[in-house]
């Protein structure tokens, strides 16, 4: 365990969700629940994982309470080095059904060319694609 007792809420929407490979990083964290964000985002598929930017879609998230050590591991996974740094993802505080929580967002609009996940739910991305074909 970390020497800091401080806890942080984190909202995850992709490979950190249950049933996905990176969820193991949250195995020691308290699961608060799942729900949707306010309709302020767009989700894009970057191949094996998603990213979100500003937009008008609600994103399906799972919210966890994590300690500072777990938050550092999540930062490393997400390529977040700190405010003003050259980050792959930025860390942003968003509103969730479980209160404000940090999530990882893409700041660069160059991702708009990637396939959009219209449902806002990474785990249901295949279903959405099939529906769009009908």
N, C-alpha and C. Protein backbone atom coordinates (compact mmCIF):
# COMPACT_ATOMS: atom_id res chain seq x y z
N UNK A 1 0.83 -1.18 0.00
CA UNK A 1 0.00 0.00 0.00
C UNK A 1 0.87 1.24 0.00
N UNK A 2 0.29 2.30 -0.48
CA UNK A 2 0.98 3.58 -0.55
C UNK A 2 1.12 4.18 0.85
N UNK A 3 2.11 5.04 1.01
CA UNK A 3 2.26 5.71 2.28
C UNK A 3 1.21 6.80 2.44
N UNK A 4 0.64 7.26 1.33
CA UNK A 4 -0.41 8.27 1.38
C UNK A 4 -1.76 7.58 1.51
N UNK A 5 -2.59 8.08 2.44
CA UNK A 5 -3.93 7.52 2.60
C UNK A 5 -4.93 8.21 1.70
N UNK A 6 -4.48 9.20 0.93
CA UNK A 6 -5.39 9.96 0.09
C UNK A 6 -6.01 9.07 -0.99
N UNK A 7 -7.32 9.23 -1.19
CA UNK A 7 -8.02 8.45 -2.19
C UNK A 7 -8.56 9.38 -3.27
N UNK A 8 -8.61 8.86 -4.48
CA UNK A 8 -9.05 9.63 -5.64
C UNK A 8 -10.11 8.82 -6.38
N UNK A 9 -11.09 9.51 -6.94
CA UNK A 9 -12.06 8.83 -7.79
C UNK A 9 -11.58 8.91 -9.23
N UNK A 10 -11.65 7.77 -9.91
CA UNK A 10 -11.24 7.70 -11.30
C UNK A 10 -12.37 7.04 -12.10
N UNK A 11 -12.73 7.66 -13.23
CA UNK A 11 -13.74 7.11 -14.13
C UNK A 11 -13.02 6.52 -15.33
N UNK A 12 -13.24 5.23 -15.58
CA UNK A 12 -12.57 4.55 -16.70
C UNK A 12 -13.61 4.12 -17.73
N UNK A 13 -13.22 4.12 -19.01
CA UNK A 13 -14.20 3.87 -20.07
C UNK A 13 -13.74 2.85 -21.11
N UNK A 14 -12.51 2.37 -21.02
CA UNK A 14 -11.98 1.48 -22.06
C UNK A 14 -11.37 0.22 -21.49
N UNK A 15 -10.07 0.05 -21.72
CA UNK A 15 -9.40 -1.20 -21.36
C UNK A 15 -9.24 -1.37 -19.85
N UNK A 16 -9.54 -0.35 -19.06
CA UNK A 16 -9.49 -0.47 -17.60
C UNK A 16 -10.81 -0.98 -17.02
N UNK A 17 -11.86 -1.08 -17.85
CA UNK A 17 -13.14 -1.58 -17.36
C UNK A 17 -13.09 -3.09 -17.12
N UNK A 18 -14.02 -3.58 -16.30
CA UNK A 18 -14.09 -5.01 -15.97
C UNK A 18 -14.13 -5.85 -17.24
N UNK A 19 -13.40 -6.97 -17.22
CA UNK A 19 -13.38 -7.86 -18.36
C UNK A 19 -12.35 -7.49 -19.41
N UNK A 20 -11.62 -6.41 -19.19
CA UNK A 20 -10.57 -5.97 -20.12
C UNK A 20 -9.20 -6.11 -19.46
N UNK A 21 -8.18 -6.22 -20.30
CA UNK A 21 -6.83 -6.56 -19.83
C UNK A 21 -6.24 -5.65 -18.79
N UNK A 22 -6.48 -4.35 -18.87
CA UNK A 22 -5.84 -3.44 -17.93
C UNK A 22 -6.61 -3.29 -16.62
N UNK A 23 -7.78 -3.92 -16.50
CA UNK A 23 -8.56 -3.83 -15.26
C UNK A 23 -7.79 -4.39 -14.06
N UNK A 24 -6.78 -5.24 -14.32
CA UNK A 24 -5.96 -5.79 -13.24
C UNK A 24 -5.30 -4.66 -12.42
N UNK A 25 -5.05 -3.51 -13.04
CA UNK A 25 -4.46 -2.38 -12.32
C UNK A 25 -5.39 -1.85 -11.24
N UNK A 26 -6.68 -2.16 -11.35
CA UNK A 26 -7.68 -1.67 -10.39
C UNK A 26 -8.14 -2.76 -9.42
N UNK A 27 -7.44 -3.90 -9.43
CA UNK A 27 -7.88 -5.05 -8.63
C UNK A 27 -7.90 -4.77 -7.13
N UNK A 28 -7.08 -3.85 -6.65
CA UNK A 28 -7.06 -3.51 -5.22
C UNK A 28 -7.88 -2.27 -4.90
N UNK A 29 -8.59 -1.74 -5.90
CA UNK A 29 -9.34 -0.50 -5.73
C UNK A 29 -10.82 -0.79 -5.49
N UNK A 30 -11.48 0.14 -4.84
CA UNK A 30 -12.91 -0.01 -4.53
C UNK A 30 -13.73 0.40 -5.76
N UNK A 31 -14.57 -0.53 -6.24
CA UNK A 31 -15.49 -0.25 -7.36
C UNK A 31 -16.70 0.46 -6.80
N UNK A 32 -16.97 1.69 -7.27
CA UNK A 32 -18.11 2.45 -6.77
C UNK A 32 -19.37 2.19 -7.59
N UNK A 33 -19.19 1.89 -8.88
CA UNK A 33 -20.35 1.62 -9.73
C UNK A 33 -20.12 2.08 -11.15
N UNK A 34 -21.16 1.93 -11.96
CA UNK A 34 -21.04 2.35 -13.36
C UNK A 34 -22.20 3.25 -13.72
N UNK A 35 -22.04 3.95 -14.82
CA UNK A 35 -23.07 4.87 -15.28
C UNK A 35 -22.57 5.62 -16.49
N UNK A 36 -23.26 6.70 -16.82
CA UNK A 36 -22.88 7.50 -17.98
C UNK A 36 -22.48 8.91 -17.55
N UNK A 37 -21.57 9.50 -18.31
CA UNK A 37 -21.18 10.89 -18.10
C UNK A 37 -22.27 11.79 -18.66
N UNK A 38 -22.14 13.07 -18.41
CA UNK A 38 -22.97 14.04 -19.11
C UNK A 38 -22.61 13.99 -20.60
N UNK A 39 -23.52 14.41 -21.49
CA UNK A 39 -23.23 14.32 -22.94
C UNK A 39 -22.25 15.39 -23.40
N UNK A 40 -21.00 15.23 -23.01
CA UNK A 40 -19.98 16.24 -23.30
C UNK A 40 -18.77 15.68 -24.03
N UNK A 41 -18.87 14.45 -24.56
CA UNK A 41 -17.69 13.79 -25.12
C UNK A 41 -18.00 13.12 -26.45
N UNK A 42 -16.96 12.74 -27.15
CA UNK A 42 -17.03 11.82 -28.29
C UNK A 42 -16.01 10.73 -28.01
N UNK A 43 -16.34 9.48 -28.35
CA UNK A 43 -15.41 8.37 -28.16
C UNK A 43 -14.93 7.88 -29.52
N UNK A 44 -13.63 7.69 -29.63
CA UNK A 44 -13.01 7.20 -30.85
C UNK A 44 -12.28 5.90 -30.58
N UNK A 45 -12.27 5.03 -31.56
CA UNK A 45 -11.49 3.80 -31.47
C UNK A 45 -10.11 4.07 -32.04
N UNK A 46 -9.09 3.88 -31.22
CA UNK A 46 -7.70 4.05 -31.66
C UNK A 46 -7.08 2.69 -31.95
N UNK A 47 -7.95 1.72 -32.25
CA UNK A 47 -7.50 0.36 -32.50
C UNK A 47 -7.85 -0.53 -31.33
N UNK A 48 -6.84 -0.85 -30.52
CA UNK A 48 -7.04 -1.76 -29.38
C UNK A 48 -7.62 -1.05 -28.16
N UNK A 49 -7.76 0.26 -28.22
CA UNK A 49 -8.26 1.02 -27.07
C UNK A 49 -8.93 2.29 -27.55
N UNK A 50 -9.79 2.88 -26.70
CA UNK A 50 -10.48 4.10 -27.09
C UNK A 50 -9.84 5.36 -26.52
N UNK A 51 -10.32 6.48 -26.99
CA UNK A 51 -10.00 7.78 -26.41
C UNK A 51 -11.22 8.65 -26.52
N UNK A 52 -11.33 9.63 -25.63
CA UNK A 52 -12.46 10.56 -25.71
C UNK A 52 -11.96 11.99 -25.83
N UNK A 53 -12.75 12.78 -26.55
CA UNK A 53 -12.51 14.22 -26.70
C UNK A 53 -13.83 14.92 -26.39
N UNK A 54 -13.81 16.24 -26.42
CA UNK A 54 -15.03 17.00 -26.21
C UNK A 54 -16.04 16.72 -27.31
N UNK A 55 -17.32 16.73 -26.97
CA UNK A 55 -18.36 16.48 -27.95
C UNK A 55 -19.73 16.50 -27.32
N UNK A 56 -20.63 15.64 -27.81
CA UNK A 56 -22.02 15.69 -27.34
C UNK A 56 -22.59 14.31 -26.99
N UNK A 57 -21.71 13.33 -26.71
CA UNK A 57 -22.14 11.97 -26.39
C UNK A 57 -21.89 11.68 -24.90
N UNK A 58 -22.77 10.90 -24.28
CA UNK A 58 -22.53 10.40 -22.93
C UNK A 58 -21.68 9.14 -23.03
N UNK A 59 -20.69 9.03 -22.17
CA UNK A 59 -19.74 7.91 -22.19
C UNK A 59 -20.04 6.98 -21.02
N UNK A 60 -20.06 5.67 -21.30
CA UNK A 60 -20.26 4.66 -20.24
C UNK A 60 -18.95 4.53 -19.47
N UNK A 61 -19.03 4.72 -18.15
CA UNK A 61 -17.84 4.66 -17.30
C UNK A 61 -18.07 3.73 -16.11
N UNK A 62 -16.97 3.24 -15.58
CA UNK A 62 -16.93 2.60 -14.27
C UNK A 62 -16.11 3.52 -13.38
N UNK A 63 -16.58 3.72 -12.16
CA UNK A 63 -15.91 4.64 -11.25
C UNK A 63 -15.28 3.83 -10.11
N UNK A 64 -14.02 4.12 -9.85
CA UNK A 64 -13.25 3.44 -8.81
C UNK A 64 -12.66 4.47 -7.86
N UNK A 65 -12.43 4.03 -6.62
CA UNK A 65 -11.69 4.83 -5.66
C UNK A 65 -10.29 4.23 -5.59
N UNK A 66 -9.28 5.03 -5.90
CA UNK A 66 -7.91 4.51 -5.98
C UNK A 66 -7.00 5.29 -5.04
N UNK A 67 -5.91 4.62 -4.62
CA UNK A 67 -4.91 5.31 -3.81
C UNK A 67 -3.88 5.96 -4.73
N UNK A 68 -2.96 6.72 -4.13
CA UNK A 68 -2.00 7.48 -4.95
C UNK A 68 -1.07 6.56 -5.74
N UNK A 69 -0.74 5.40 -5.19
CA UNK A 69 0.12 4.45 -5.90
C UNK A 69 -0.58 3.93 -7.16
N UNK A 70 -1.87 3.59 -7.03
CA UNK A 70 -2.64 3.13 -8.19
C UNK A 70 -2.80 4.24 -9.20
N UNK A 71 -3.04 5.46 -8.73
CA UNK A 71 -3.16 6.60 -9.65
C UNK A 71 -1.87 6.79 -10.44
N UNK A 72 -0.73 6.62 -9.81
CA UNK A 72 0.56 6.72 -10.52
C UNK A 72 0.68 5.64 -11.59
N UNK A 73 0.24 4.41 -11.28
CA UNK A 73 0.27 3.34 -12.28
C UNK A 73 -0.66 3.66 -13.46
N UNK A 74 -1.83 4.21 -13.16
CA UNK A 74 -2.76 4.60 -14.23
C UNK A 74 -2.15 5.70 -15.09
N UNK A 75 -1.51 6.67 -14.45
CA UNK A 75 -0.85 7.75 -15.20
C UNK A 75 0.20 7.19 -16.16
N UNK A 76 0.99 6.23 -15.69
CA UNK A 76 2.01 5.62 -16.56
C UNK A 76 1.36 4.91 -17.73
N UNK A 77 0.30 4.14 -17.47
CA UNK A 77 -0.40 3.43 -18.54
C UNK A 77 -0.93 4.41 -19.58
N UNK A 78 -1.49 5.51 -19.12
CA UNK A 78 -2.16 6.46 -20.01
C UNK A 78 -1.21 7.50 -20.61
N UNK A 79 0.08 7.41 -20.28
CA UNK A 79 1.04 8.37 -20.84
C UNK A 79 0.84 9.77 -20.32
N UNK A 80 0.41 9.88 -19.06
CA UNK A 80 0.19 11.19 -18.43
C UNK A 80 1.36 11.52 -17.52
N UNK A 81 2.05 12.64 -17.83
CA UNK A 81 3.23 13.03 -17.07
C UNK A 81 3.00 14.25 -16.18
N UNK A 82 1.89 14.95 -16.39
CA UNK A 82 1.59 16.12 -15.56
C UNK A 82 1.07 17.28 -16.39
N UNK A 83 0.52 18.26 -15.70
CA UNK A 83 -0.03 19.44 -16.36
C UNK A 83 1.08 20.16 -17.11
N UNK A 84 0.81 20.54 -18.37
CA UNK A 84 1.77 21.27 -19.17
C UNK A 84 2.83 20.39 -19.82
N UNK A 85 2.79 19.08 -19.56
CA UNK A 85 3.76 18.16 -20.16
C UNK A 85 3.22 17.65 -21.50
N UNK A 86 4.06 16.93 -22.22
CA UNK A 86 3.64 16.30 -23.47
C UNK A 86 2.99 14.96 -23.12
N UNK A 87 1.69 14.98 -22.93
CA UNK A 87 0.95 13.80 -22.50
C UNK A 87 0.26 13.13 -23.67
N UNK A 88 0.13 11.80 -23.63
CA UNK A 88 -0.71 11.11 -24.61
C UNK A 88 -2.16 11.41 -24.27
N UNK A 89 -2.55 11.15 -23.01
CA UNK A 89 -3.87 11.54 -22.50
C UNK A 89 -3.68 12.64 -21.48
N UNK A 90 -4.62 13.56 -21.40
CA UNK A 90 -4.67 14.52 -20.31
C UNK A 90 -5.58 13.97 -19.23
N UNK A 91 -5.38 14.43 -18.01
CA UNK A 91 -6.25 14.03 -16.91
C UNK A 91 -7.23 15.17 -16.67
N UNK A 92 -8.51 14.85 -16.64
CA UNK A 92 -9.55 15.87 -16.51
C UNK A 92 -10.55 15.42 -15.46
N UNK A 93 -11.07 16.36 -14.69
CA UNK A 93 -12.11 16.05 -13.71
C UNK A 93 -13.46 16.19 -14.39
N UNK A 94 -14.27 15.13 -14.28
CA UNK A 94 -15.60 15.13 -14.90
C UNK A 94 -16.65 14.79 -13.85
N UNK A 95 -17.89 15.06 -14.17
CA UNK A 95 -19.01 14.72 -13.30
C UNK A 95 -19.48 13.31 -13.61
N UNK A 96 -19.67 12.48 -12.58
CA UNK A 96 -20.18 11.11 -12.75
C UNK A 96 -21.34 10.91 -11.77
N UNK A 97 -22.08 9.81 -11.91
CA UNK A 97 -23.13 9.53 -10.93
C UNK A 97 -22.59 9.34 -9.51
N UNK A 98 -21.28 9.21 -9.34
CA UNK A 98 -20.65 8.98 -8.03
C UNK A 98 -19.84 10.18 -7.58
N UNK A 99 -20.14 11.34 -8.15
CA UNK A 99 -19.42 12.56 -7.83
C UNK A 99 -18.33 12.83 -8.85
N UNK A 100 -17.59 13.89 -8.64
CA UNK A 100 -16.52 14.23 -9.56
C UNK A 100 -15.44 13.17 -9.52
N UNK A 101 -14.88 12.86 -10.70
CA UNK A 101 -13.83 11.85 -10.81
C UNK A 101 -12.88 12.26 -11.92
N UNK A 102 -11.66 11.79 -11.84
CA UNK A 102 -10.69 12.04 -12.90
C UNK A 102 -10.89 11.02 -14.01
N UNK A 103 -10.68 11.46 -15.24
CA UNK A 103 -10.65 10.54 -16.37
C UNK A 103 -9.56 11.01 -17.31
N UNK A 104 -9.25 10.20 -18.30
CA UNK A 104 -8.17 10.50 -19.24
C UNK A 104 -8.79 10.84 -20.60
N UNK A 105 -8.46 12.04 -21.09
CA UNK A 105 -9.05 12.53 -22.33
C UNK A 105 -7.97 12.87 -23.34
N UNK A 106 -8.34 12.82 -24.61
CA UNK A 106 -7.46 13.24 -25.69
C UNK A 106 -7.69 14.72 -25.94
N UNK A 107 -6.64 15.48 -26.04
CA UNK A 107 -6.78 16.92 -26.29
C UNK A 107 -6.63 17.26 -27.77
N UNK A 108 -6.05 16.36 -28.52
CA UNK A 108 -5.68 16.65 -29.91
C UNK A 108 -6.82 16.30 -30.85
N UNK A 109 -7.29 17.27 -31.64
CA UNK A 109 -8.40 17.02 -32.56
C UNK A 109 -8.02 16.15 -33.76
N UNK A 110 -6.75 15.77 -33.87
CA UNK A 110 -6.35 14.93 -35.01
C UNK A 110 -6.97 13.54 -34.92
N UNK A 111 -7.57 13.20 -33.76
CA UNK A 111 -8.20 11.88 -33.61
C UNK A 111 -9.57 11.82 -34.27
N UNK A 112 -10.09 12.95 -34.72
CA UNK A 112 -11.43 12.98 -35.32
C UNK A 112 -11.54 12.11 -36.56
N UNK A 113 -10.43 11.72 -37.17
CA UNK A 113 -10.47 10.86 -38.35
C UNK A 113 -10.65 9.38 -37.98
N UNK A 114 -10.51 9.05 -36.72
CA UNK A 114 -10.65 7.66 -36.28
C UNK A 114 -12.13 7.29 -36.19
N UNK A 115 -12.45 5.96 -36.23
CA UNK A 115 -13.85 5.53 -36.13
C UNK A 115 -14.47 5.99 -34.81
N UNK A 116 -15.66 6.55 -34.91
CA UNK A 116 -16.36 7.06 -33.74
C UNK A 116 -17.23 5.95 -33.14
N UNK A 117 -17.21 5.85 -31.81
CA UNK A 117 -18.06 4.88 -31.10
C UNK A 117 -19.32 5.64 -30.68
N UNK A 118 -20.37 5.55 -31.50
CA UNK A 118 -21.55 6.39 -31.30
C UNK A 118 -22.29 6.08 -30.01
N UNK A 119 -22.22 4.82 -29.53
CA UNK A 119 -22.93 4.45 -28.30
C UNK A 119 -22.28 5.06 -27.08
N UNK A 120 -20.99 5.44 -27.19
CA UNK A 120 -20.25 5.91 -26.03
C UNK A 120 -19.85 4.78 -25.10
N UNK A 121 -20.07 3.53 -25.54
CA UNK A 121 -19.78 2.37 -24.70
C UNK A 121 -18.76 1.48 -25.42
N UNK A 122 -17.52 1.51 -24.95
CA UNK A 122 -16.43 0.76 -25.58
C UNK A 122 -16.74 -0.73 -25.66
N UNK A 123 -17.39 -1.29 -24.64
CA UNK A 123 -17.65 -2.72 -24.62
C UNK A 123 -18.76 -3.13 -25.60
N UNK A 124 -19.55 -2.17 -26.07
CA UNK A 124 -20.61 -2.47 -27.04
C UNK A 124 -20.29 -1.93 -28.43
N UNK A 125 -19.03 -1.69 -28.71
CA UNK A 125 -18.65 -1.10 -29.99
C UNK A 125 -18.97 -1.98 -31.18
N UNK A 126 -18.84 -3.32 -31.04
CA UNK A 126 -19.15 -4.21 -32.17
C UNK A 126 -20.63 -4.19 -32.49
N UNK A 127 -21.46 -4.19 -31.46
CA UNK A 127 -22.92 -4.17 -31.64
C UNK A 127 -23.33 -2.92 -32.42
N UNK A 128 -22.73 -1.81 -32.07
CA UNK A 128 -23.05 -0.55 -32.73
C UNK A 128 -22.71 -0.62 -34.22
N UNK A 129 -21.55 -1.18 -34.52
CA UNK A 129 -21.15 -1.28 -35.93
C UNK A 129 -22.13 -2.14 -36.73
N UNK A 130 -22.58 -3.26 -36.14
CA UNK A 130 -23.54 -4.11 -36.83
C UNK A 130 -24.84 -3.38 -37.06
N UNK A 131 -25.31 -2.67 -36.05
CA UNK A 131 -26.56 -1.93 -36.15
C UNK A 131 -26.47 -0.89 -37.27
N UNK A 132 -25.32 -0.26 -37.38
CA UNK A 132 -25.16 0.78 -38.40
C UNK A 132 -25.23 0.21 -39.80
N UNK A 133 -24.97 -1.08 -39.97
CA UNK A 133 -25.01 -1.69 -41.29
C UNK A 133 -26.43 -2.03 -41.74
N UNK A 134 -27.34 -2.13 -40.78
CA UNK A 134 -28.73 -2.56 -41.10
C UNK A 134 -29.52 -1.38 -41.64
